[in-house]
Amino acid sequence: MSGFSGVMSVELRGGYETADRFISSLKFGSYAASLGGVETLLVHPAAMWGDTLTDAQRSAMEVGENLVRISVGLEDERDLIDDFSQALDQV
């Protein structure tokens, strides 16, 4: 295979607000309900499941408030690196 991307999960230092601020600061990534597009998509599980799972359930599943799942899209590599760097600088 060639020309494909990947999915990764990261835990940012800080809590729920840090993860939310990071995603909101990106220019190339956007919130998504699923991770299956050609563009870079991000999911903040604590925000999505906040109303359906208790803190204990999320903890048992190892889904912290600071967890962000990223599906890397087909954007230019340098654009993504720069964008993620500037977003991390804001958190």
PDB file of N, CA and C in Angstrom:
ATOM      1  N   MET A   1       0.837  -1.193   0.000  1.00  0.00           N
ATOM      2  CA  MET A   1       0.000   0.000   0.000  1.00  0.00           C
ATOM      3  C   MET A   1       0.873   1.244   0.000  1.00  0.00           C
ATOM      4  N   SER A   2       0.385   2.264  -0.620  1.00  0.00           N
ATOM      5  CA  SER A   2       1.067   3.551  -0.555  1.00  0.00           C
ATOM      6  C   SER A   2       0.005   4.645  -0.530  1.00  0.00           C
ATOM      7  N   GLY A   3       0.389   5.804   0.019  1.00  0.00           N
ATOM      8  CA  GLY A   3      -0.523   6.943   0.037  1.00  0.00           C
ATOM      9  C   GLY A   3      -1.584   6.878   1.107  1.00  0.00           C
ATOM     10  N   PHE A   4      -1.420   6.014   2.089  1.00  0.00           N
ATOM     11  CA  PHE A   4      -2.408   5.930   3.161  1.00  0.00           C
ATOM     12  C   PHE A   4      -1.902   6.660   4.394  1.00  0.00           C
ATOM     13  N   SER A   5      -2.752   6.838   5.358  1.00  0.00           N
ATOM     14  CA  SER A   5      -2.356   7.507   6.592  1.00  0.00           C
ATOM     15  C   SER A   5      -2.636   6.575   7.764  1.00  0.00           C
ATOM     16  N   GLY A   6      -2.633   7.107   8.953  1.00  0.00           N
ATOM     17  CA  GLY A   6      -2.818   6.283  10.136  1.00  0.00           C
ATOM     18  C   GLY A   6      -3.676   6.960  11.171  1.00  0.00           C
ATOM     19  N   VAL A   7      -4.000   6.180  12.194  1.00  0.00           N
ATOM     20  CA  VAL A   7      -4.761   6.681  13.333  1.00  0.00           C
ATOM     21  C   VAL A   7      -3.878   6.541  14.566  1.00  0.00           C
ATOM     22  N   MET A   8      -3.879   7.535  15.408  1.00  0.00           N
ATOM     23  CA  MET A   8      -3.126   7.477  16.654  1.00  0.00           C
ATOM     24  C   MET A   8      -3.936   8.121  17.763  1.00  0.00           C
ATOM     25  N   SER A   9      -3.588   7.790  18.983  1.00  0.00           N
ATOM     26  CA  SER A   9      -4.208   8.400  20.151  1.00  0.00           C
ATOM     27  C   SER A   9      -3.114   9.061  20.965  1.00  0.00           C
ATOM     28  N   VAL A  10      -3.411  10.225  21.495  1.00  0.00           N
ATOM     29  CA  VAL A  10      -2.469  10.939  22.358  1.00  0.00           C
ATOM     30  C   VAL A  10      -3.194  11.396  23.604  1.00  0.00           C
ATOM     31  N   GLU A  11      -2.460  11.468  24.703  1.00  0.00           N
ATOM     32  CA  GLU A  11      -2.988  12.043  25.931  1.00  0.00           C
ATOM     33  C   GLU A  11      -2.194  13.306  26.203  1.00  0.00           C
ATOM     34  N   LEU A  12      -2.871  14.430  26.204  1.00  0.00           N
ATOM     35  CA  LEU A  12      -2.224  15.720  26.412  1.00  0.00           C
ATOM     36  C   LEU A  12      -2.100  15.994  27.902  1.00  0.00           C
ATOM     37  N   ARG A  13      -1.045  16.679  28.295  1.00  0.00           N
ATOM     38  CA  ARG A  13      -0.940  17.104  29.690  1.00  0.00           C
ATOM     39  C   ARG A  13      -2.084  18.072  29.968  1.00  0.00           C
ATOM     40  N   GLY A  14      -2.792  17.829  31.048  1.00  0.00           N
ATOM     41  CA  GLY A  14      -3.951  18.642  31.372  1.00  0.00           C
ATOM     42  C   GLY A  14      -5.202  17.798  31.248  1.00  0.00           C
ATOM     43  N   GLY A  15      -6.316  18.407  31.373  1.00  0.00           N
ATOM     44  CA  GLY A  15      -7.573  17.671  31.360  1.00  0.00           C
ATOM     45  C   GLY A  15      -8.427  17.931  30.138  1.00  0.00           C
ATOM     46  N   TYR A  16      -9.707  17.891  30.373  1.00  0.00           N
ATOM     47  CA  TYR A  16     -10.727  18.030  29.339  1.00  0.00           C
ATOM     48  C   TYR A  16     -10.543  19.327  28.552  1.00  0.00           C
ATOM     49  N   GLU A  17     -10.362  20.440  29.277  1.00  0.00           N
ATOM     50  CA  GLU A  17     -10.252  21.748  28.622  1.00  0.00           C
ATOM     51  C   GLU A  17      -9.030  21.827  27.724  1.00  0.00           C
ATOM     52  N   THR A  18      -7.924  21.190  28.145  1.00  0.00           N
ATOM     53  CA  THR A  18      -6.713  21.191  27.340  1.00  0.00           C
ATOM     54  C   THR A  18      -6.943  20.475  26.013  1.00  0.00           C
ATOM     55  N   ALA A  19      -7.576  19.306  26.065  1.00  0.00           N
ATOM     56  CA  ALA A  19      -7.852  18.559  24.836  1.00  0.00           C
ATOM     57  C   ALA A  19      -8.790  19.347  23.926  1.00  0.00           C
ATOM     58  N   ASP A  20      -9.804  19.963  24.513  1.00  0.00           N
ATOM     59  CA  ASP A  20     -10.751  20.753  23.727  1.00  0.00           C
ATOM     60  C   ASP A  20     -10.065  21.954  23.087  1.00  0.00           C
ATOM     61  N   ARG A  21      -9.219  22.641  23.843  1.00  0.00           N
ATOM     62  CA  ARG A  21      -8.509  23.813  23.323  1.00  0.00           C
ATOM     63  C   ARG A  21      -7.541  23.415  22.209  1.00  0.00           C
ATOM     64  N   PHE A  22      -6.871  22.266  22.363  1.00  0.00           N
ATOM     65  CA  PHE A  22      -5.956  21.778  21.333  1.00  0.00           C
ATOM     66  C   PHE A  22      -6.692  21.560  20.015  1.00  0.00           C
ATOM     67  N   ILE A  23      -7.801  20.836  20.056  1.00  0.00           N
ATOM     68  CA  ILE A  23      -8.549  20.548  18.826  1.00  0.00           C
ATOM     69  C   ILE A  23      -9.082  21.839  18.211  1.00  0.00           C
ATOM     70  N   SER A  24      -9.570  22.739  19.046  1.00  0.00           N
ATOM     71  CA  SER A  24     -10.125  24.001  18.540  1.00  0.00           C
ATOM     72  C   SER A  24      -9.065  24.885  17.900  1.00  0.00           C
ATOM     73  N   SER A  25      -7.798  24.694  18.275  1.00  0.00           N
ATOM     74  CA  SER A  25      -6.708  25.525  17.761  1.00  0.00           C
ATOM     75  C   SER A  25      -6.176  25.058  16.417  1.00  0.00           C
ATOM     76  N   LEU A  26      -6.558  23.868  15.985  1.00  0.00           N
ATOM     77  CA  LEU A  26      -6.042  23.338  14.718  1.00  0.00           C
ATOM     78  C   LEU A  26      -6.718  23.989  13.521  1.00  0.00           C
ATOM     79  N   LYS A  27      -5.945  24.178  12.461  1.00  0.00           N
ATOM     80  CA  LYS A  27      -6.486  24.710  11.210  1.00  0.00           C
ATOM     81  C   LYS A  27      -6.831  23.589  10.234  1.00  0.00           C
ATOM     82  N   PHE A  28      -6.075  22.490  10.279  1.00  0.00           N
ATOM     83  CA  PHE A  28      -6.260  21.408   9.319  1.00  0.00           C
ATOM     84  C   PHE A  28      -7.071  20.251   9.861  1.00  0.00           C
ATOM     85  N   GLY A  29      -7.185  20.117  11.163  1.00  0.00           N
ATOM     86  CA  GLY A  29      -7.964  19.033  11.749  1.00  0.00           C
ATOM     87  C   GLY A  29      -9.305  19.551  12.225  1.00  0.00           C
ATOM     88  N   SER A  30     -10.289  18.689  12.265  1.00  0.00           N
ATOM     89  CA  SER A  30     -11.595  19.109  12.753  1.00  0.00           C
ATOM     90  C   SER A  30     -12.252  17.976  13.525  1.00  0.00           C
ATOM     91  N   TYR A  31     -13.178  18.371  14.407  1.00  0.00           N
ATOM     92  CA  TYR A  31     -13.940  17.395  15.184  1.00  0.00           C
ATOM     93  C   TYR A  31     -14.675  16.454  14.240  1.00  0.00           C
ATOM     94  N   ALA A  32     -14.782  15.214  14.650  1.00  0.00           N
ATOM     95  CA  ALA A  32     -15.478  14.230  13.832  1.00  0.00           C
ATOM     96  C   ALA A  32     -16.167  13.207  14.721  1.00  0.00           C
ATOM     97  N   ALA A  33     -17.240  12.628  14.205  1.00  0.00           N
ATOM     98  CA  ALA A  33     -17.921  11.552  14.908  1.00  0.00           C
ATOM     99  C   ALA A  33     -17.284  10.205  14.581  1.00  0.00           C
ATOM    100  N   SER A  34     -16.646  10.115  13.431  1.00  0.00           N
ATOM    101  CA  SER A  34     -15.920   8.902  13.058  1.00  0.00           C
ATOM    102  C   SER A  34     -14.627   9.326  12.387  1.00  0.00           C
ATOM    103  N   LEU A  35     -13.729   8.386  12.225  1.00  0.00           N
ATOM    104  CA  LEU A  35     -12.404   8.727  11.728  1.00  0.00           C
ATOM    105  C   LEU A  35     -12.147   8.113  10.360  1.00  0.00           C
ATOM    106  N   GLY A  36     -13.026   8.333   9.393  1.00  0.00           N
ATOM    107  CA  GLY A  36     -12.869   7.654   8.124  1.00  0.00           C
ATOM    108  C   GLY A  36     -12.803   8.530   6.903  1.00  0.00           C
ATOM    109  N   GLY A  37     -12.355   9.758   7.006  1.00  0.00           N
ATOM    110  CA  GLY A  37     -12.318  10.635   5.840  1.00  0.00           C
ATOM    111  C   GLY A  37     -10.918  10.777   5.271  1.00  0.00           C
ATOM    112  N   VAL A  38     -10.787  11.573   4.220  1.00  0.00           N
ATOM    113  CA  VAL A  38      -9.471  11.833   3.632  1.00  0.00           C
ATOM    114  C   VAL A  38      -8.803  13.029   4.291  1.00  0.00           C
ATOM    115  N   GLU A  39      -9.565  13.808   5.043  1.00  0.00           N
ATOM    116  CA  GLU A  39      -9.001  14.941   5.758  1.00  0.00           C
ATOM    117  C   GLU A  39      -8.654  14.510   7.182  1.00  0.00           C
ATOM    118  N   THR A  40      -7.767  15.253   7.839  1.00  0.00           N
ATOM    119  CA  THR A  40      -7.399  14.954   9.208  1.00  0.00           C
ATOM    120  C   THR A  40      -8.599  15.208  10.109  1.00  0.00           C
ATOM    121  N   LEU A  41      -8.948  14.188  10.880  1.00  0.00           N
ATOM    122  CA  LEU A  41     -10.114  14.247  11.760  1.00  0.00           C
ATOM    123  C   LEU A  41      -9.700  13.897  13.178  1.00  0.00           C
ATOM    124  N   LEU A  42     -10.351  14.538  14.154  1.00  0.00           N
ATOM    125  CA  LEU A  42     -10.027  14.293  15.548  1.00  0.00           C
ATOM    126  C   LEU A  42     -11.282  14.007  16.357  1.00  0.00           C
ATOM    127  N   VAL A  43     -11.122  13.130  17.333  1.00  0.00           N
ATOM    128  CA  VAL A  43     -12.208  12.788  18.249  1.00  0.00           C
ATOM    129  C   VAL A  43     -11.704  13.015  19.663  1.00  0.00           C
ATOM    130  N   HIS A  44     -12.520  13.674  20.461  1.00  0.00           N
ATOM    131  CA  HIS A  44     -12.262  13.866  21.888  1.00  0.00           C
ATOM    132  C   HIS A  44     -13.284  12.983  22.616  1.00  0.00           C
ATOM    133  N   PRO A  45     -12.923  11.722  22.913  1.00  0.00           N
ATOM    134  CA  PRO A  45     -13.888  10.772  23.459  1.00  0.00           C
ATOM    135  C   PRO A  45     -14.622  11.254  24.705  1.00  0.00           C
ATOM    136  N   ALA A  46     -13.949  11.952  25.602  1.00  0.00           N
ATOM    137  CA  ALA A  46     -14.623  12.422  26.819  1.00  0.00           C
ATOM    138  C   ALA A  46     -15.747  13.394  26.487  1.00  0.00           C
ATOM    139  N   ALA A  47     -15.565  14.179  25.436  1.00  0.00           N
ATOM    140  CA  ALA A  47     -16.620  15.115  25.018  1.00  0.00           C
ATOM    141  C   ALA A  47     -17.777  14.367  24.365  1.00  0.00           C
ATOM    142  N   MET A  48     -17.446  13.341  23.592  1.00  0.00           N
ATOM    143  CA  MET A  48     -18.488  12.594  22.884  1.00  0.00           C
ATOM    144  C   MET A  48     -19.300  11.702  23.815  1.00  0.00           C
ATOM    145  N   TRP A  49     -18.619  11.097  24.778  1.00  0.00           N
ATOM    146  CA  TRP A  49     -19.276  10.114  25.634  1.00  0.00           C
ATOM    147  C   TRP A  49     -19.601  10.650  27.023  1.00  0.00           C
ATOM    148  N   GLY A  50     -19.422  11.932  27.230  1.00  0.00           N
ATOM    149  CA  GLY A  50     -19.644  12.532  28.547  1.00  0.00           C
ATOM    150  C   GLY A  50     -21.027  12.294  29.110  1.00  0.00           C
ATOM    151  N   ASP A  51     -22.022  12.241  28.249  1.00  0.00           N
ATOM    152  CA  ASP A  51     -23.397  12.062  28.711  1.00  0.00           C
ATOM    153  C   ASP A  51     -23.810  10.594  28.809  1.00  0.00           C
ATOM    154  N   THR A  52     -23.012   9.687  28.239  1.00  0.00           N
ATOM    155  CA  THR A  52     -23.428   8.286  28.202  1.00  0.00           C
ATOM    156  C   THR A  52     -22.597   7.372  29.092  1.00  0.00           C
ATOM    157  N   LEU A  53     -21.386   7.787  29.453  1.00  0.00           N
ATOM    158  CA  LEU A  53     -20.537   6.979  30.313  1.00  0.00           C
ATOM    159  C   LEU A  53     -20.208   7.736  31.590  1.00  0.00           C
ATOM    160  N   THR A  54     -20.152   7.020  32.694  1.00  0.00           N
ATOM    161  CA  THR A  54     -19.739   7.634  33.950  1.00  0.00           C
ATOM    162  C   THR A  54     -18.225   7.790  33.951  1.00  0.00           C
ATOM    163  N   ASP A  55     -17.702   8.577  34.899  1.00  0.00           N
ATOM    164  CA  ASP A  55     -16.256   8.719  35.020  1.00  0.00           C
ATOM    165  C   ASP A  55     -15.608   7.358  35.278  1.00  0.00           C
ATOM    166  N   ALA A  56     -16.250   6.527  36.086  1.00  0.00           N
ATOM    167  CA  ALA A  56     -15.717   5.198  36.391  1.00  0.00           C
ATOM    168  C   ALA A  56     -15.669   4.317  35.141  1.00  0.00           C
ATOM    169  N   GLN A  57     -16.695   4.390  34.307  1.00  0.00           N
ATOM    170  CA  GLN A  57     -16.705   3.603  33.074  1.00  0.00           C
ATOM    171  C   GLN A  57     -15.605   4.064  32.121  1.00  0.00           C
ATOM    172  N   ARG A  58     -15.457   5.374  31.974  1.00  0.00           N
ATOM    173  CA  ARG A  58     -14.391   5.892  31.104  1.00  0.00           C
ATOM    174  C   ARG A  58     -13.019   5.494  31.636  1.00  0.00           C
ATOM    175  N   SER A  59     -12.865   5.547  32.947  1.00  0.00           N
ATOM    176  CA  SER A  59     -11.596   5.177  33.564  1.00  0.00           C
ATOM    177  C   SER A  59     -11.288   3.700  33.330  1.00  0.00           C
ATOM    178  N   ALA A  60     -12.293   2.853  33.468  1.00  0.00           N
ATOM    179  CA  ALA A  60     -12.106   1.416  33.239  1.00  0.00           C
ATOM    180  C   ALA A  60     -11.706   1.137  31.797  1.00  0.00           C
ATOM    181  N   MET A  61     -12.168   1.964  30.877  1.00  0.00           N
ATOM    182  CA  MET A  61     -11.845   1.815  29.453  1.00  0.00           C
ATOM    183  C   MET A  61     -10.552   2.559  29.093  1.00  0.00           C
ATOM    184  N   GLU A  62      -9.934   3.193  30.106  1.00  0.00           N
ATOM    185  CA  GLU A  62      -8.721   4.000  29.918  1.00  0.00           C
ATOM    186  C   GLU A  62      -8.931   5.129  28.924  1.00  0.00           C
ATOM    187  N   VAL A  63     -10.091   5.767  29.025  1.00  0.00           N
ATOM    188  CA  VAL A  63     -10.419   6.927  28.200  1.00  0.00           C
ATOM    189  C   VAL A  63     -10.401   8.139  29.120  1.00  0.00           C
ATOM    190  N   GLY A  64      -9.246   8.803  29.181  1.00  0.00           N
ATOM    191  CA  GLY A  64      -9.100   9.973  30.036  1.00  0.00           C
ATOM    192  C   GLY A  64      -9.715  11.207  29.406  1.00  0.00           C
ATOM    193  N   GLU A  65      -9.891  12.226  30.240  1.00  0.00           N
ATOM    194  CA  GLU A  65     -10.451  13.491  29.756  1.00  0.00           C
ATOM    195  C   GLU A  65      -9.535  14.162  28.746  1.00  0.00           C
ATOM    196  N   ASN A  66      -8.260  13.796  28.767  1.00  0.00           N
ATOM    197  CA  ASN A  66      -7.272  14.441  27.908  1.00  0.00           C
ATOM    198  C   ASN A  66      -6.940  13.626  26.663  1.00  0.00           C
ATOM    199  N   LEU A  67      -7.652  12.521  26.435  1.00  0.00           N
ATOM    200  CA  LEU A  67      -7.375  11.662  25.282  1.00  0.00           C
ATOM    201  C   LEU A  67      -7.931  12.278  23.999  1.00  0.00           C
ATOM    202  N   VAL A  68      -7.112  12.306  22.969  1.00  0.00           N
ATOM    203  CA  VAL A  68      -7.516  12.781  21.644  1.00  0.00           C
ATOM    204  C   VAL A  68      -7.117  11.710  20.635  1.00  0.00           C
ATOM    205  N   ARG A  69      -8.049  11.291  19.805  1.00  0.00           N
ATOM    206  CA  ARG A  69      -7.767  10.333  18.730  1.00  0.00           C
ATOM    207  C   ARG A  69      -7.664  11.113  17.418  1.00  0.00           C
ATOM    208  N   ILE A  70      -6.649  10.790  16.656  1.00  0.00           N
ATOM    209  CA  ILE A  70      -6.349  11.542  15.443  1.00  0.00           C
ATOM    210  C   ILE A  70      -6.268  10.589  14.261  1.00  0.00           C
ATOM    211  N   SER A  71      -7.040  10.869  13.236  1.00  0.00           N
ATOM    212  CA  SER A  71      -6.940  10.150  11.972  1.00  0.00           C
ATOM    213  C   SER A  71      -6.252  11.094  10.993  1.00  0.00           C
ATOM    214  N   VAL A  72      -5.023  10.780  10.656  1.00  0.00           N
ATOM    215  CA  VAL A  72      -4.223  11.661   9.814  1.00  0.00           C
ATOM    216  C   VAL A  72      -4.722  11.584   8.374  1.00  0.00           C
ATOM    217  N   GLY A  73      -4.981  12.739   7.805  1.00  0.00           N
ATOM    218  CA  GLY A  73      -5.504  12.808   6.445  1.00  0.00           C
ATOM    219  C   GLY A  73      -4.419  12.928   5.397  1.00  0.00           C
ATOM    220  N   LEU A  74      -4.811  13.404   4.252  1.00  0.00           N
ATOM    221  CA  LEU A  74      -3.904  13.480   3.115  1.00  0.00           C
ATOM    222  C   LEU A  74      -3.309  14.875   2.915  1.00  0.00           C
ATOM    223  N   GLU A  75      -3.459  15.749   3.907  1.00  0.00           N
ATOM    224  CA  GLU A  75      -2.878  17.087   3.791  1.00  0.00           C
ATOM    225  C   GLU A  75      -1.354  16.991   3.716  1.00  0.00           C
ATOM    226  N   ASP A  76      -0.737  18.066   3.314  1.00  0.00           N
ATOM    227  CA  ASP A  76       0.718  18.126   3.247  1.00  0.00           C
ATOM    228  C   ASP A  76       1.312  17.890   4.631  1.00  0.00           C
ATOM    229  N   GLU A  77       2.321  17.044   4.676  1.00  0.00           N
ATOM    230  CA  GLU A  77       2.968  16.675   5.941  1.00  0.00           C
ATOM    231  C   GLU A  77       3.458  17.902   6.712  1.00  0.00           C
ATOM    232  N   ARG A  78       4.101  18.826   6.032  1.00  0.00           N
ATOM    233  CA  ARG A  78       4.647  20.019   6.702  1.00  0.00           C
ATOM    234  C   ARG A  78       3.523  20.879   7.280  1.00  0.00           C
ATOM    235  N   ASP A  79       2.407  21.006   6.540  1.00  0.00           N
ATOM    236  CA  ASP A  79       1.257  21.764   7.048  1.00  0.00           C
ATOM    237  C   ASP A  79       0.738  21.153   8.340  1.00  0.00           C
ATOM    238  N   LEU A  80       0.631  19.825   8.387  1.00  0.00           N
ATOM    239  CA  LEU A  80       0.128  19.156   9.590  1.00  0.00           C
ATOM    240  C   LEU A  80       1.087  19.322  10.762  1.00  0.00           C
ATOM    241  N   ILE A  81       2.373  19.152  10.516  1.00  0.00           N
ATOM    242  CA  ILE A  81       3.362  19.313  11.589  1.00  0.00           C
ATOM    243  C   ILE A  81       3.306  20.722  12.149  1.00  0.00           C
ATOM    244  N   ASP A  82       3.283  21.720  11.267  1.00  0.00           N
ATOM    245  CA  ASP A  82       3.208  23.114  11.717  1.00  0.00           C
ATOM    246  C   ASP A  82       1.923  23.378  12.485  1.00  0.00           C
ATOM    247  N   ASP A  83       0.810  22.836  11.990  1.00  0.00           N
ATOM    248  CA  ASP A  83      -0.485  23.062  12.628  1.00  0.00           C
ATOM    249  C   ASP A  83      -0.531  22.424  14.023  1.00  0.00           C
ATOM    250  N   PHE A  84      -0.069  21.183  14.131  1.00  0.00           N
ATOM    251  CA  PHE A  84      -0.068  20.525  15.437  1.00  0.00           C
ATOM    252  C   PHE A  84       0.870  21.231  16.400  1.00  0.00           C
ATOM    253  N   SER A  85       1.993  21.726  15.909  1.00  0.00           N
ATOM    254  CA  SER A  85       2.931  22.462  16.762  1.00  0.00           C
ATOM    255  C   SER A  85       2.311  23.729  17.312  1.00  0.00           C
ATOM    256  N   GLN A  86       1.642  24.505  16.447  1.00  0.00           N
ATOM    257  CA  GLN A  86       1.046  25.764  16.918  1.00  0.00           C
ATOM    258  C   GLN A  86      -0.092  25.478  17.894  1.00  0.00           C
ATOM    259  N   ALA A  87      -0.850  24.386  17.674  1.00  0.00           N
ATOM    260  CA  ALA A  87      -1.947  24.037  18.585  1.00  0.00           C
ATOM    261  C   ALA A  87      -1.387  23.606  19.946  1.00  0.00           C
ATOM    262  N   LEU A  88      -0.304  22.837  19.945  1.00  0.00           N
ATOM    263  CA  LEU A  88       0.312  22.427  21.213  1.00  0.00           C
ATOM    264  C   LEU A  88       0.869  23.620  21.967  1.00  0.00           C
ATOM    265  N   ASP A  89       1.363  24.616  21.253  1.00  0.00           N
ATOM    266  CA  ASP A  89       1.856  25.827  21.907  1.00  0.00           C
ATOM    267  C   ASP A  89       0.751  26.579  22.631  1.00  0.00           C
ATOM    268  N   GLN A  90      -0.478  26.377  22.229  1.00  0.00           N
ATOM    269  CA  GLN A  90      -1.611  27.096  22.834  1.00  0.00           C
ATOM    270  C   GLN A  90      -2.208  26.378  24.042  1.00  0.00           C
ATOM    271  N   VAL A  91      -1.748  25.165  24.322  1.00  0.00           N
ATOM    272  CA  VAL A  91      -2.306  24.426  25.468  1.00  0.00           C
ATOM    273  C   VAL A  91      -1.376  24.362  26.630  1.00  0.00           C
TER     274      VAL A  91
END
